[in-house]
């Protein structure tokens, strides 16, 4: 999936910050979020000058988000959804609980806090709080396997410089203004190969569509693999 639309306040602040940035840009903003099942999250935070998010999404954060989303999805009805939104100017998180056409908004300090939000959501929909389940399965698109770590890193860097982006990733982490890193080099496996991958997906079908899009738009002959 594509990242959720940016809110006007975030866009305006980012535009001003980018215009004032020096040639050596630092991370003045940090954003993360995505959508998995019936859970959507959009977070913009100010002041992460140490460069949080400079490397793009990471597997642990994406898996944690998808695992929480599965617990929310177990109690949200088919005509409902949950959104957690925090803009740059916010000290709180807005928890939007949708049920049909009705929307109930709950303000939560700081956050987003999935553990604190889960019982609120369960109460909204008259459901019991689900027990933790197994870690979510994640998928990606592999586009290269190389013996040389230097060669794999060089290939990933070339993809980033070309602006290669897969469609449909369900989760993102970014710093702003920063150079985006879409391509990741996985740690070498038992076979000693360093694998270059693009995108992170919570559904195999979404990863397959992304792989087809990379082949069509960029001539990359990749395939879907589980992270």
Protein backbone atom coordinates (compact mmCIF):
# COMPACT_ATOMS: atom_id res chain seq x y z
CA UNK A 1 0.00 0.00 0.00
CA UNK A 2 1.03 3.59 -0.35
CA UNK A 3 1.72 5.64 2.79
CA UNK A 4 -1.34 7.51 4.09
CA UNK A 5 -1.85 11.07 2.76
CA UNK A 6 0.14 13.70 4.58
CA UNK A 7 -1.80 16.22 6.61
CA UNK A 8 -1.64 19.86 5.59
CA UNK A 9 0.19 20.94 8.74
CA UNK A 10 2.88 18.34 8.18
CA UNK A 11 3.26 19.24 4.51
CA UNK A 12 3.58 22.94 5.24
CA UNK A 13 6.13 22.43 7.98
CA UNK A 14 8.14 20.05 5.84
CA UNK A 15 8.14 22.46 2.90
CA UNK A 16 9.46 25.31 5.05
CA UNK A 17 12.09 23.08 6.64
CA UNK A 18 13.26 21.76 3.29
CA UNK A 19 13.58 25.25 1.87
CA UNK A 20 15.79 26.29 4.78
CA UNK A 21 17.94 23.14 4.83
CA UNK A 22 21.65 23.43 4.13
CA UNK A 23 23.51 21.34 1.59
CA UNK A 24 24.26 18.92 4.43
CA UNK A 25 20.67 18.18 5.36
CA UNK A 26 19.85 16.96 8.82
CA UNK A 27 16.73 15.14 9.91
CA UNK A 28 14.40 17.81 11.28
CA UNK A 29 11.32 15.59 11.09
CA UNK A 30 10.60 11.92 11.43
CA UNK A 31 7.55 10.10 10.14
CA UNK A 32 6.33 6.54 10.30
CA UNK A 33 3.13 4.64 9.75
CA UNK A 34 1.19 2.55 7.31
CA UNK A 35 -1.88 0.40 7.00
CA UNK A 36 -2.35 -3.27 7.77
CA UNK A 37 -5.80 -4.82 7.76
CA UNK A 38 -8.17 -2.45 9.56
CA UNK A 39 -5.45 -0.46 11.35
CA UNK A 40 -3.91 2.72 9.94
CA UNK A 41 -1.21 4.83 11.61
CA UNK A 42 0.25 8.18 10.57
CA UNK A 43 2.84 9.83 12.81
CA UNK A 44 4.94 12.95 12.24
CA UNK A 45 7.39 14.04 14.94
CA UNK A 46 9.59 17.10 15.10
CA UNK A 47 13.18 17.41 16.23
CA UNK A 48 14.81 14.06 15.46
CA UNK A 49 18.06 15.75 14.42
CA UNK A 50 20.13 12.63 15.05
CA UNK A 51 18.72 11.19 11.82
CA UNK A 52 16.08 8.72 12.97
CA UNK A 53 14.62 6.91 9.99
CA UNK A 54 17.53 7.70 7.68
CA UNK A 55 17.77 4.06 6.67
CA UNK A 56 14.09 3.72 5.82
CA UNK A 57 11.89 0.92 7.18
CA UNK A 58 13.34 -1.78 9.36
CA UNK A 59 12.07 -5.32 9.65
CA UNK A 60 11.52 -5.37 13.43
CA UNK A 61 9.37 -2.22 13.43
CA UNK A 62 7.35 -3.40 10.44
CA UNK A 63 6.73 -6.82 11.99
CA UNK A 64 5.71 -5.28 15.32
CA UNK A 65 3.22 -3.00 13.55
CA UNK A 66 1.71 -5.86 11.54
CA UNK A 67 1.48 -8.06 14.64
CA UNK A 68 -0.43 -5.38 16.55
CA UNK A 69 -2.62 -4.77 13.48
CA UNK A 70 -3.67 -8.42 13.53
CA UNK A 71 -4.87 -8.07 17.13
CA UNK A 72 -6.85 -4.95 16.27
CA UNK A 73 -8.27 -6.64 13.19
CA UNK A 74 -9.57 -9.51 15.33
CA UNK A 75 -12.02 -7.17 17.12
CA UNK A 76 -12.87 -4.54 14.49
CA UNK A 77 -15.97 -5.42 12.41
CA UNK A 78 -15.91 -5.52 8.64
CA UNK A 79 -17.56 -2.09 8.39
CA UNK A 80 -15.15 -0.57 10.92
CA UNK A 81 -11.58 0.69 11.05
CA UNK A 82 -9.10 2.21 13.47
CA UNK A 83 -6.74 5.10 12.75
CA UNK A 84 -4.07 6.56 15.00
CA UNK A 85 -2.90 10.00 13.91
CA UNK A 86 -0.30 12.36 15.34
CA UNK A 87 0.82 15.46 13.44
CA UNK A 88 3.96 17.54 13.97
CA UNK A 89 2.10 20.10 16.06
CA UNK A 90 0.38 17.50 18.26
CA UNK A 91 1.33 16.40 21.76
CA UNK A 92 -1.40 13.76 21.66
CA UNK A 93 -2.55 10.97 19.38
CA UNK A 94 -6.04 10.96 17.93
CA UNK A 95 -7.62 7.52 17.97
CA UNK A 96 -10.35 7.42 15.31
CA UNK A 97 -12.79 4.54 15.73
CA UNK A 98 -15.04 4.06 12.71
CA UNK A 99 -18.14 1.89 12.66
CA UNK A 100 -20.16 2.32 9.50
CA UNK A 101 -20.67 6.06 9.12
CA UNK A 102 -20.09 6.78 12.78
CA UNK A 103 -16.68 8.02 13.95
CA UNK A 104 -15.69 8.19 17.60
CA UNK A 105 -12.53 10.18 18.40
CA UNK A 106 -10.49 9.48 21.53
CA UNK A 107 -7.49 11.63 22.51
CA UNK A 108 -4.53 9.74 23.95
CA UNK A 109 -1.45 11.46 25.45
CA UNK A 110 1.76 11.02 23.51
CA UNK A 111 1.96 7.81 21.55
CA UNK A 112 0.72 6.09 19.53
CA UNK A 113 0.48 3.46 22.26
CA UNK A 114 -0.89 0.22 20.83
CA UNK A 115 -1.13 -1.52 24.21
CA UNK A 116 -3.20 1.33 25.69
CA UNK A 117 -5.39 1.66 22.59
CA UNK A 118 -6.31 -2.02 22.26
CA UNK A 119 -8.71 -2.18 25.27
CA UNK A 120 -10.31 1.10 24.18
CA UNK A 121 -10.97 -0.34 20.74
CA UNK A 122 -12.25 -3.60 22.24
CA UNK A 123 -14.70 -1.66 24.42
CA UNK A 124 -15.87 0.40 21.45
CA UNK A 125 -16.82 -2.70 19.48
CA UNK A 126 -18.01 -4.79 22.43
CA UNK A 127 -15.26 -7.37 22.07
CA UNK A 128 -12.76 -9.03 24.39
CA UNK A 129 -9.12 -7.99 24.21
CA UNK A 130 -7.42 -10.65 22.07
CA UNK A 131 -4.36 -12.43 23.38
CA UNK A 132 -1.01 -11.83 21.67
CA UNK A 133 -0.54 -14.03 18.64
CA UNK A 134 2.44 -15.23 16.65
CA UNK A 135 4.66 -12.59 15.02
CA UNK A 136 3.25 -11.47 11.68
CA UNK A 137 4.67 -12.85 8.46
CA UNK A 138 6.33 -10.27 6.22
CA UNK A 139 7.34 -10.38 2.58
CA UNK A 140 9.70 -8.45 0.33
CA UNK A 141 10.96 -8.50 -3.26
CA UNK A 142 14.48 -9.81 -3.79
CA UNK A 143 16.27 -8.30 -6.78
CA UNK A 144 19.86 -9.49 -6.26
CA UNK A 145 21.95 -12.06 -4.38
CA UNK A 146 25.70 -11.47 -4.31
CA UNK A 147 28.73 -13.06 -2.66
CA UNK A 148 30.27 -9.64 -2.23
CA UNK A 149 28.79 -7.41 0.47
CA UNK A 150 30.41 -4.43 -1.25
CA UNK A 151 28.76 -5.40 -4.53
CA UNK A 152 25.35 -5.77 -2.89
CA UNK A 153 25.67 -2.39 -1.18
CA UNK A 154 26.72 -0.79 -4.45
CA UNK A 155 23.73 -2.27 -6.28
CA UNK A 156 21.35 -1.06 -3.55
CA UNK A 157 22.90 2.40 -3.66
CA UNK A 158 22.46 2.54 -7.44
CA UNK A 159 18.77 1.61 -7.10
CA UNK A 160 18.26 4.39 -4.55
CA UNK A 161 20.05 6.93 -6.75
CA UNK A 162 17.76 5.99 -9.66
CA UNK A 163 14.73 6.52 -7.43
CA UNK A 164 13.49 2.94 -7.67
CA UNK A 165 10.46 2.52 -5.43
CA UNK A 166 8.18 -0.50 -5.13
CA UNK A 167 4.44 0.05 -5.01
CA UNK A 168 2.30 -1.18 -2.15
CA UNK A 169 4.60 -1.29 0.89
CA UNK A 170 2.39 -1.37 3.97
CA UNK A 171 4.84 0.34 6.35
CA UNK A 172 7.27 3.24 6.16
CA UNK A 173 9.80 5.09 8.29
CA UNK A 174 11.46 8.24 6.99
CA UNK A 175 13.44 11.24 8.15
CA UNK A 176 13.01 14.64 6.51
CA UNK A 177 14.76 16.10 4.68
CA UNK A 178 16.81 12.99 3.97
CA UNK A 179 17.91 10.87 1.06
CA UNK A 180 15.47 7.97 0.92
CA UNK A 181 16.72 4.39 1.14
CA UNK A 182 14.26 2.00 -0.45
CA UNK A 183 16.72 -0.79 -1.19
CA UNK A 184 17.93 -2.89 1.75
CA UNK A 185 20.79 -5.37 1.98
CA UNK A 186 19.90 -8.29 4.24
CA UNK A 187 22.49 -9.91 6.47
CA UNK A 188 24.26 -12.77 4.77
CA UNK A 189 22.51 -16.10 5.19
CA UNK A 190 24.09 -19.52 5.81
CA UNK A 191 24.98 -19.62 2.10
CA UNK A 192 27.05 -16.44 2.46
CA UNK A 193 24.90 -14.47 0.01
CA UNK A 194 24.00 -10.82 0.56
CA UNK A 195 20.46 -10.23 -0.73
CA UNK A 196 19.16 -6.87 -1.97
CA UNK A 197 15.44 -6.38 -1.39
CA UNK A 198 12.85 -3.70 -2.06
CA UNK A 199 9.69 -3.02 -0.07
CA UNK A 200 8.00 -4.59 2.92
CA UNK A 201 4.56 -6.20 2.63
CA UNK A 202 2.12 -7.88 5.00
CA UNK A 203 0.47 -9.85 2.17
CA UNK A 204 2.18 -12.09 -0.36
CA UNK A 205 -0.21 -10.90 -3.07
CA UNK A 206 0.83 -7.28 -2.55
CA UNK A 207 4.48 -8.28 -2.84
CA UNK A 208 3.77 -10.15 -6.08
CA UNK A 209 2.10 -7.07 -7.54
CA UNK A 210 5.06 -4.94 -6.49
CA UNK A 211 7.47 -7.39 -8.12
CA UNK A 212 5.52 -7.21 -11.38
CA UNK A 213 5.56 -3.42 -11.19
CA UNK A 214 9.34 -3.32 -10.64
CA UNK A 215 9.81 -5.55 -13.68
CA UNK A 216 7.49 -3.46 -15.80
CA UNK A 217 8.76 -0.01 -14.76
CA UNK A 218 12.43 -0.65 -13.99
CA UNK A 219 13.34 -3.89 -15.74
CA UNK A 220 14.15 -5.60 -12.41
CA UNK A 221 13.69 -9.34 -12.48
CA UNK A 222 12.88 -10.00 -8.83
CA UNK A 223 10.83 -12.51 -6.87
CA UNK A 224 8.90 -12.58 -3.62
CA UNK A 225 10.56 -13.94 -0.48
CA UNK A 226 9.54 -14.04 3.16
CA UNK A 227 11.54 -11.92 5.59
